PDB file of N, CA and C in Angstrom:
ATOM      1  N   MET A   1    -120.934 192.383  41.003  1.00  0.00           N
ATOM      2  CA  MET A   1    -120.396 192.165  42.321  1.00  0.00           C
ATOM      3  C   MET A   1    -119.003 192.761  42.378  1.00  0.00           C
ATOM      4  N   GLU A   2    -118.715 193.507  43.399  1.00  0.00           N
ATOM      5  CA  GLU A   2    -117.404 194.108  43.569  1.00  0.00           C
ATOM      6  C   GLU A   2    -116.385 193.028  43.912  1.00  0.00           C
ATOM      7  N   ASN A   3    -115.128 193.237  43.513  1.00  0.00           N
ATOM      8  CA  ASN A   3    -114.101 192.238  43.765  1.00  0.00           C
ATOM      9  C   ASN A   3    -113.918 191.974  45.253  1.00  0.00           C
ATOM     10  N   ASN A   4    -114.025 193.028  46.101  1.00  0.00           N
ATOM     11  CA  ASN A   4    -113.875 192.796  47.536  1.00  0.00           C
ATOM     12  C   ASN A   4    -115.026 191.952  48.072  1.00  0.00           C
ATOM     13  N   GLU A   5    -116.216 192.025  47.448  1.00  0.00           N
ATOM     14  CA  GLU A   5    -117.328 191.162  47.823  1.00  0.00           C
ATOM     15  C   GLU A   5    -117.020 189.724  47.433  1.00  0.00           C
ATOM     16  N   ILE A   6    -116.433 189.537  46.262  1.00  0.00           N
ATOM     17  CA  ILE A   6    -116.072 188.197  45.817  1.00  0.00           C
ATOM     18  C   ILE A   6    -115.092 187.596  46.816  1.00  0.00           C
ATOM     19  N   SER A   7    -114.071 188.344  47.188  1.00  0.00           N
ATOM     20  CA  SER A   7    -113.079 187.852  48.133  1.00  0.00           C
ATOM     21  C   SER A   7    -113.715 187.514  49.470  1.00  0.00           C
ATOM     22  N   ALA A   8    -114.622 188.369  49.949  1.00  0.00           N
ATOM     23  CA  ALA A   8    -115.271 188.135  51.232  1.00  0.00           C
ATOM     24  C   ALA A   8    -116.125 186.875  51.187  1.00  0.00           C
ATOM     25  N   ASN A   9    -116.884 186.680  50.117  1.00  0.00           N
ATOM     26  CA  ASN A   9    -117.739 185.495  50.001  1.00  0.00           C
ATOM     27  C   ASN A   9    -116.925 184.219  49.999  1.00  0.00           C
ATOM     28  N   HIS A  10    -115.808 184.196  49.305  1.00  0.00           N
ATOM     29  CA  HIS A  10    -115.015 182.990  49.208  1.00  0.00           C
ATOM     30  C   HIS A  10    -114.253 182.729  50.501  1.00  0.00           C
ATOM     31  N   GLY A  11    -113.989 183.768  51.253  1.00  0.00           N
ATOM     32  CA  GLY A  11    -113.300 183.603  52.524  1.00  0.00           C
ATOM     33  C   GLY A  11    -114.148 182.892  53.566  1.00  0.00           C
ATOM     34  N   THR A  12    -115.473 183.028  53.488  1.00  0.00           N
ATOM     35  CA  THR A  12    -116.342 182.418  54.488  1.00  0.00           C
ATOM     36  C   THR A  12    -116.720 180.983  54.158  1.00  0.00           C
ATOM     37  N   ARG A  13    -116.740 180.600  52.882  1.00  0.00           N
ATOM     38  CA  ARG A  13    -117.181 179.254  52.536  1.00  0.00           C
ATOM     39  C   ARG A  13    -116.098 178.417  51.877  1.00  0.00           C
ATOM     40  N   GLY A  14    -114.981 178.988  51.565  1.00  0.00           N
ATOM     41  CA  GLY A  14    -113.958 178.253  50.825  1.00  0.00           C
ATOM     42  C   GLY A  14    -114.298 178.248  49.344  1.00  0.00           C
ATOM     43  N   LYS A  15    -113.293 178.025  48.533  1.00  0.00           N
ATOM     44  CA  LYS A  15    -113.479 178.064  47.083  1.00  0.00           C
ATOM     45  C   LYS A  15    -113.805 176.679  46.536  1.00  0.00           C
ATOM     46  N   THR A  16    -114.611 176.656  45.483  1.00  0.00           N
ATOM     47  CA  THR A  16    -114.866 175.413  44.775  1.00  0.00           C
ATOM     48  C   THR A  16    -113.650 175.095  43.908  1.00  0.00           C
ATOM     49  N   TYR A  17    -113.632 173.889  43.364  1.00  0.00           N
ATOM     50  CA  TYR A  17    -112.555 173.489  42.460  1.00  0.00           C
ATOM     51  C   TYR A  17    -112.459 174.467  41.287  1.00  0.00           C
ATOM     52  N   GLY A  18    -113.604 174.803  40.698  1.00  0.00           N
ATOM     53  CA  GLY A  18    -113.619 175.718  39.558  1.00  0.00           C
ATOM     54  C   GLY A  18    -113.128 177.105  39.914  1.00  0.00           C
ATOM     55  N   GLU A  19    -113.501 177.590  41.083  1.00  0.00           N
ATOM     56  CA  GLU A  19    -113.050 178.918  41.518  1.00  0.00           C
ATOM     57  C   GLU A  19    -111.539 178.943  41.710  1.00  0.00           C
ATOM     58  N   LYS A  20    -111.008 177.857  42.248  1.00  0.00           N
ATOM     59  CA  LYS A  20    -109.548 177.765  42.375  1.00  0.00           C
ATOM     60  C   LYS A  20    -108.895 177.694  40.999  1.00  0.00           C
ATOM     61  N   ALA A  21    -109.515 176.921  40.102  1.00  0.00           N
ATOM     62  CA  ALA A  21    -108.941 176.712  38.771  1.00  0.00           C
ATOM     63  C   ALA A  21    -108.838 177.996  37.963  1.00  0.00           C
ATOM     64  N   VAL A  22    -109.776 178.924  38.157  1.00  0.00           N
ATOM     65  CA  VAL A  22    -109.747 180.180  37.400  1.00  0.00           C
ATOM     66  C   VAL A  22    -109.099 181.319  38.175  1.00  0.00           C
ATOM     67  N   GLY A  23    -108.706 181.071  39.414  1.00  0.00           N
ATOM     68  CA  GLY A  23    -108.122 182.148  40.221  1.00  0.00           C
ATOM     69  C   GLY A  23    -109.145 183.238  40.489  1.00  0.00           C
ATOM     70  N   ILE A  24    -110.291 182.830  41.010  1.00  0.00           N
ATOM     71  CA  ILE A  24    -111.450 183.719  41.130  1.00  0.00           C
ATOM     72  C   ILE A  24    -111.149 185.013  41.885  1.00  0.00           C
ATOM     73  N   THR A  25    -110.283 184.980  42.872  1.00  0.00           N
ATOM     74  CA  THR A  25    -110.004 186.189  43.652  1.00  0.00           C
ATOM     75  C   THR A  25    -108.730 186.898  43.204  1.00  0.00           C
ATOM     76  N   PHE A  26    -108.051 186.359  42.188  1.00  0.00           N
ATOM     77  CA  PHE A  26    -106.821 186.991  41.701  1.00  0.00           C
ATOM     78  C   PHE A  26    -107.171 188.249  40.917  1.00  0.00           C
ATOM     79  N   ASN A  27    -106.737 189.364  41.419  1.00  0.00           N
ATOM     80  CA  ASN A  27    -106.984 190.653  40.775  1.00  0.00           C
ATOM     81  C   ASN A  27    -105.879 191.605  41.208  1.00  0.00           C
ATOM     82  N   PRO A  28    -104.737 191.564  40.523  1.00  0.00           N
ATOM     83  CA  PRO A  28    -103.605 192.375  40.950  1.00  0.00           C
ATOM     84  C   PRO A  28    -103.881 193.871  40.935  1.00  0.00           C
ATOM     85  N   GLY A  29    -104.837 194.323  40.118  1.00  0.00           N
ATOM     86  CA  GLY A  29    -105.183 195.742  40.087  1.00  0.00           C
ATOM     87  C   GLY A  29    -106.025 196.173  41.274  1.00  0.00           C
ATOM     88  N   GLY A  30    -106.692 195.205  41.916  1.00  0.00           N
ATOM     89  CA  GLY A  30    -107.478 195.504  43.099  1.00  0.00           C
ATOM     90  C   GLY A  30    -108.786 196.223  42.834  1.00  0.00           C
ATOM     91  N   TYR A  31    -109.299 196.171  41.632  1.00  0.00           N
ATOM     92  CA  TYR A  31    -110.555 196.837  41.321  1.00  0.00           C
ATOM     93  C   TYR A  31    -111.500 195.871  40.628  1.00  0.00           C
ATOM     94  N   SER A  32    -112.776 196.189  40.705  1.00  0.00           N
ATOM     95  CA  SER A  32    -113.766 195.356  40.022  1.00  0.00           C
ATOM     96  C   SER A  32    -113.661 195.599  38.525  1.00  0.00           C
ATOM     97  N   ASN A  33    -113.823 194.549  37.743  1.00  0.00           N
ATOM     98  CA  ASN A  33    -113.751 194.703  36.308  1.00  0.00           C
ATOM     99  C   ASN A  33    -114.700 193.715  35.636  1.00  0.00           C
ATOM    100  N   PRO A  34    -114.904 193.870  34.348  1.00  0.00           N
ATOM    101  CA  PRO A  34    -115.843 192.999  33.644  1.00  0.00           C
ATOM    102  C   PRO A  34    -115.430 191.533  33.612  1.00  0.00           C
ATOM    103  N   ALA A  35    -114.206 191.226  33.984  1.00  0.00           N
ATOM    104  CA  ALA A  35    -113.738 189.843  33.964  1.00  0.00           C
ATOM    105  C   ALA A  35    -114.328 189.011  35.093  1.00  0.00           C
ATOM    106  N   ASP A  36    -114.822 189.662  36.137  1.00  0.00           N
ATOM    107  CA  ASP A  36    -115.382 188.923  37.268  1.00  0.00           C
ATOM    108  C   ASP A  36    -116.499 187.982  36.827  1.00  0.00           C
ATOM    109  N   ASP A  37    -117.401 188.461  35.996  1.00  0.00           N
ATOM    110  CA  ASP A  37    -118.522 187.645  35.530  1.00  0.00           C
ATOM    111  C   ASP A  37    -118.031 186.469  34.687  1.00  0.00           C
ATOM    112  N   ILE A  38    -117.066 186.726  33.819  1.00  0.00           N
ATOM    113  CA  ILE A  38    -116.497 185.659  32.976  1.00  0.00           C
ATOM    114  C   ILE A  38    -115.859 184.587  33.855  1.00  0.00           C
ATOM    115  N   LYS A  39    -115.085 185.005  34.847  1.00  0.00           N
ATOM    116  CA  LYS A  39    -114.448 184.038  35.739  1.00  0.00           C
ATOM    117  C   LYS A  39    -115.488 183.189  36.460  1.00  0.00           C
ATOM    118  N   ASN A  40    -116.559 183.815  36.929  1.00  0.00           N
ATOM    119  CA  ASN A  40    -117.618 183.071  37.620  1.00  0.00           C
ATOM    120  C   ASN A  40    -118.284 182.063  36.690  1.00  0.00           C
ATOM    121  N   GLN A  41    -118.517 182.440  35.446  1.00  0.00           N
ATOM    122  CA  GLN A  41    -119.145 181.526  34.494  1.00  0.00           C
ATOM    123  C   GLN A  41    -118.235 180.341  34.182  1.00  0.00           C
ATOM    124  N   TYR A  42    -116.967 180.595  33.957  1.00  0.00           N
ATOM    125  CA  TYR A  42    -116.030 179.501  33.689  1.00  0.00           C
ATOM    126  C   TYR A  42    -115.849 178.625  34.920  1.00  0.00           C
ATOM    127  N   ALA A  43    -115.843 179.209  36.112  1.00  0.00           N
ATOM    128  CA  ALA A  43    -115.741 178.417  37.339  1.00  0.00           C
ATOM    129  C   ALA A  43    -116.905 177.439  37.434  1.00  0.00           C
ATOM    130  N   ALA A  44    -118.112 177.887  37.084  1.00  0.00           N
ATOM    131  CA  ALA A  44    -119.292 177.017  37.123  1.00  0.00           C
ATOM    132  C   ALA A  44    -119.156 175.876  36.109  1.00  0.00           C
ATOM    133  N   ILE A  45    -118.666 176.180  34.933  1.00  0.00           N
ATOM    134  CA  ILE A  45    -118.466 175.142  33.910  1.00  0.00           C
ATOM    135  C   ILE A  45    -117.441 174.116  34.399  1.00  0.00           C
ATOM    136  N   ILE A  46    -116.331 174.597  34.927  1.00  0.00           N
ATOM    137  CA  ILE A  46    -115.283 173.700  35.409  1.00  0.00           C
ATOM    138  C   ILE A  46    -115.791 172.852  36.570  1.00  0.00           C
ATOM    139  N   ASP A  47    -116.573 173.457  37.467  1.00  0.00           N
ATOM    140  CA  ASP A  47    -117.155 172.684  38.568  1.00  0.00           C
ATOM    141  C   ASP A  47    -118.031 171.554  38.032  1.00  0.00           C
ATOM    142  N   ARG A  48    -118.838 171.834  37.027  1.00  0.00           N
ATOM    143  CA  ARG A  48    -119.719 170.807  36.442  1.00  0.00           C
ATOM    144  C   ARG A  48    -118.895 169.674  35.829  1.00  0.00           C
ATOM    145  N   LEU A  49    -117.861 170.028  35.080  1.00  0.00           N
ATOM    146  CA  LEU A  49    -116.998 169.017  34.472  1.00  0.00           C
ATOM    147  C   LEU A  49    -116.286 168.185  35.534  1.00  0.00           C
ATOM    148  N   ASN A  50    -115.851 168.834  36.598  1.00  0.00           N
ATOM    149  CA  ASN A  50    -115.170 168.127  37.683  1.00  0.00           C
ATOM    150  C   ASN A  50    -116.122 167.161  38.389  1.00  0.00           C
ATOM    151  N   GLU A  51    -117.371 167.568  38.572  1.00  0.00           N
ATOM    152  CA  GLU A  51    -118.370 166.677  39.183  1.00  0.00           C
ATOM    153  C   GLU A  51    -118.566 165.427  38.322  1.00  0.00           C
ATOM    154  N   GLU A  52    -118.653 165.624  37.015  1.00  0.00           N
ATOM    155  CA  GLU A  52    -118.799 164.480  36.099  1.00  0.00           C
ATOM    156  C   GLU A  52    -117.571 163.583  36.171  1.00  0.00           C
ATOM    157  N   ARG A  53    -116.405 164.184  36.224  1.00  0.00           N
ATOM    158  CA  ARG A  53    -115.156 163.417  36.295  1.00  0.00           C
ATOM    159  C   ARG A  53    -115.095 162.594  37.586  1.00  0.00           C
ATOM    160  N   ASP A  54    -115.549 163.186  38.691  1.00  0.00           N
ATOM    161  CA  ASP A  54    -115.564 162.466  39.968  1.00  0.00           C
ATOM    162  C   ASP A  54    -116.561 161.310  39.979  1.00  0.00           C
ATOM    163  N   ARG A  55    -117.645 161.442  39.196  1.00  0.00           N
ATOM    164  CA  ARG A  55    -118.707 160.430  39.181  1.00  0.00           C
ATOM    165  C   ARG A  55    -118.364 159.177  38.387  1.00  0.00           C
ATOM    166  N   THR A  56    -117.486 159.308  37.425  1.00  0.00           N
ATOM    167  CA  THR A  56    -117.224 158.173  36.528  1.00  0.00           C
ATOM    168  C   THR A  56    -116.015 157.359  36.971  1.00  0.00           C
ATOM    169  N   ALA A  57    -116.082 156.089  36.675  1.00  0.00           N
ATOM    170  CA  ALA A  57    -114.938 155.205  36.914  1.00  0.00           C
ATOM    171  C   ALA A  57    -114.190 154.917  35.608  1.00  0.00           C
ATOM    172  N   ASP A  58    -114.755 155.376  34.500  1.00  0.00           N
ATOM    173  CA  ASP A  58    -114.184 155.124  33.180  1.00  0.00           C
ATOM    174  C   ASP A  58    -112.959 156.017  32.967  1.00  0.00           C
ATOM    175  N   GLY A  59    -111.817 155.406  32.768  1.00  0.00           N
ATOM    176  CA  GLY A  59    -110.574 156.148  32.605  1.00  0.00           C
ATOM    177  C   GLY A  59    -110.564 157.094  31.420  1.00  0.00           C
ATOM    178  N   GLU A  60    -111.125 156.650  30.302  1.00  0.00           N
ATOM    179  CA  GLU A  60    -111.149 157.505  29.114  1.00  0.00           C
ATOM    180  C   GLU A  60    -112.061 158.704  29.324  1.00  0.00           C
ATOM    181  N   GLN A  61    -113.192 158.496  29.979  1.00  0.00           N
ATOM    182  CA  GLN A  61    -114.091 159.615  30.254  1.00  0.00           C
ATOM    183  C   GLN A  61    -113.414 160.611  31.194  1.00  0.00           C
ATOM    184  N   LYS A  62    -112.702 160.113  32.205  1.00  0.00           N
ATOM    185  CA  LYS A  62    -111.958 160.999  33.113  1.00  0.00           C
ATOM    186  C   LYS A  62    -110.932 161.824  32.321  1.00  0.00           C
ATOM    187  N   ARG A  63    -110.230 161.167  31.406  1.00  0.00           N
ATOM    188  CA  ARG A  63    -109.229 161.871  30.600  1.00  0.00           C
ATOM    189  C   ARG A  63    -109.870 162.964  29.758  1.00  0.00           C
ATOM    190  N   LEU A  64    -110.972 162.623  29.101  1.00  0.00           N
ATOM    191  CA  LEU A  64    -111.667 163.605  28.263  1.00  0.00           C
ATOM    192  C   LEU A  64    -112.145 164.802  29.083  1.00  0.00           C
ATOM    193  N   LEU A  65    -112.680 164.535  30.265  1.00  0.00           N
ATOM    194  CA  LEU A  65    -113.147 165.623  31.121  1.00  0.00           C
ATOM    195  C   LEU A  65    -111.982 166.459  31.637  1.00  0.00           C
ATOM    196  N   SER A  66    -110.849 165.821  31.901  1.00  0.00           N
ATOM    197  CA  SER A  66    -109.658 166.561  32.319  1.00  0.00           C
ATOM    198  C   SER A  66    -109.175 167.487  31.211  1.00  0.00           C
ATOM    199  N   VAL A  67    -109.190 166.991  29.985  1.00  0.00           N
ATOM    200  CA  VAL A  67    -108.819 167.827  28.840  1.00  0.00           C
ATOM    201  C   VAL A  67    -109.790 169.008  28.732  1.00  0.00           C
ATOM    202  N   ALA A  68    -111.075 168.747  28.886  1.00  0.00           N
ATOM    203  CA  ALA A  68    -112.080 169.812  28.800  1.00  0.00           C
ATOM    204  C   ALA A  68    -111.846 170.866  29.884  1.00  0.00           C
ATOM    205  N   ILE A  69    -111.489 170.435  31.087  1.00  0.00           N
ATOM    206  CA  ILE A  69    -111.202 171.382  32.178  1.00  0.00           C
ATOM    207  C   ILE A  69    -109.994 172.239  31.823  1.00  0.00           C
ATOM    208  N   THR A  70    -108.950 171.603  31.319  1.00  0.00           N
ATOM    209  CA  THR A  70    -107.752 172.352  30.931  1.00  0.00           C
ATOM    210  C   THR A  70    -108.070 173.370  29.840  1.00  0.00           C
ATOM    211  N   GLU A  71    -108.838 172.943  28.848  1.00  0.00           N
ATOM    212  CA  GLU A  71    -109.193 173.850  27.752  1.00  0.00           C
ATOM    213  C   GLU A  71    -110.092 174.996  28.240  1.00  0.00           C
ATOM    214  N   ALA A  72    -110.966 174.715  29.201  1.00  0.00           N
ATOM    215  CA  ALA A  72    -111.820 175.776  29.767  1.00  0.00           C
ATOM    216  C   ALA A  72    -110.957 176.791  30.521  1.00  0.00           C
ATOM    217  N   GLN A  73    -109.949 176.313  31.243  1.00  0.00           N
ATOM    218  CA  GLN A  73    -109.037 177.225  31.927  1.00  0.00           C
ATOM    219  C   GLN A  73    -108.304 178.108  30.916  1.00  0.00           C
ATOM    220  N   THR A  74    -107.857 177.516  29.835  1.00  0.00           N
ATOM    221  CA  THR A  74    -107.164 178.276  28.797  1.00  0.00           C
ATOM    222  C   THR A  74    -108.094 179.321  28.183  1.00  0.00           C
ATOM    223  N   ALA A  75    -109.307 178.919  27.845  1.00  0.00           N
ATOM    224  CA  ALA A  75    -110.274 179.850  27.251  1.00  0.00           C
ATOM    225  C   ALA A  75    -110.590 180.981  28.215  1.00  0.00           C
ATOM    226  N   GLN A  76    -110.729 180.657  29.496  1.00  0.00           N
ATOM    227  CA  GLN A  76    -111.010 181.693  30.505  1.00  0.00           C
ATOM    228  C   GLN A  76    -109.880 182.708  30.567  1.00  0.00           C
ATOM    229  N   MET A  77    -108.650 182.233  30.542  1.00  0.00           N
ATOM    230  CA  MET A  77    -107.519 183.168  30.611  1.00  0.00           C
ATOM    231  C   MET A  77    -107.494 184.107  29.408  1.00  0.00           C
ATOM    232  N   TRP A  78    -107.744 183.556  28.212  1.00  0.00           N
ATOM    233  CA  TRP A  78    -107.763 184.400  27.022  1.00  0.00           C
ATOM    234  C   TRP A  78    -108.953 185.364  27.053  1.00  0.00           C
ATOM    235  N   ALA A  79    -110.093 184.907  27.550  1.00  0.00           N
ATOM    236  CA  ALA A  79    -111.273 185.777  27.646  1.00  0.00           C
ATOM    237  C   ALA A  79    -111.000 186.946  28.576  1.00  0.00           C
ATOM    238  N   VAL A  80    -110.395 186.670  29.725  1.00  0.00           N
ATOM    239  CA  VAL A  80    -110.074 187.747  30.677  1.00  0.00           C
ATOM    240  C   VAL A  80    -109.063 188.710  30.059  1.00  0.00           C
ATOM    241  N   LYS A  81    -108.083 188.171  29.386  1.00  0.00           N
ATOM    242  CA  LYS A  81    -107.078 189.036  28.737  1.00  0.00           C
ATOM    243  C   LYS A  81    -107.770 189.949  27.714  1.00  0.00           C
ATOM    244  N   GLY A  82    -108.682 189.392  26.925  1.00  0.00           N
ATOM    245  CA  GLY A  82    -109.389 190.195  25.936  1.00  0.00           C
ATOM    246  C   GLY A  82    -110.294 191.241  26.553  1.00  0.00           C
ATOM    247  N   ILE A  83    -110.995 190.867  27.609  1.00  0.00           N
ATOM    248  CA  ILE A  83    -111.925 191.797  28.258  1.00  0.00           C
ATOM    249  C   ILE A  83    -111.191 192.918  28.970  1.00  0.00           C
ATOM    250  N   THR A  84    -110.044 192.605  29.544  1.00  0.00           N
ATOM    251  CA  THR A  84    -109.327 193.617  30.322  1.00  0.00           C
ATOM    252  C   THR A  84    -108.264 194.345  29.513  1.00  0.00           C
ATOM    253  N   TRP A  85    -108.166 194.060  28.235  1.00  0.00           N
ATOM    254  CA  TRP A  85    -107.178 194.710  27.384  1.00  0.00           C
ATOM    255  C   TRP A  85    -107.331 196.223  27.488  1.00  0.00           C
ATOM    256  N   GLY A  86    -106.265 196.889  27.857  1.00  0.00           N
ATOM    257  CA  GLY A  86    -106.276 198.346  27.923  1.00  0.00           C
ATOM    258  C   GLY A  86    -106.796 198.930  29.226  1.00  0.00           C
ATOM    259  N   ILE A  87    -107.240 198.080  30.147  1.00  0.00           N
ATOM    260  CA  ILE A  87    -107.718 198.614  31.450  1.00  0.00           C
ATOM    261  C   ILE A  87    -106.533 198.950  32.305  1.00  0.00           C
TER     262      ILE A  87
END
């Protein structure tokens, strides 16, 4: 999917929590790159974790899921950096 398609799709429906968390439309170079797929995959993972966090009333489970979301964001950033290295 081209980056301008990604931007257009998110403009019509709004972004999910995961899409916001990974900066799904952030692309300072303005071109499509292999990181788009990685960002979409991490956004889906973060959305799933956020849904679980919203469902539980257990404070410790919420904390664990919050940590997992933070770590997924960190992993996504490093993955994008690795994939786009030298582009």
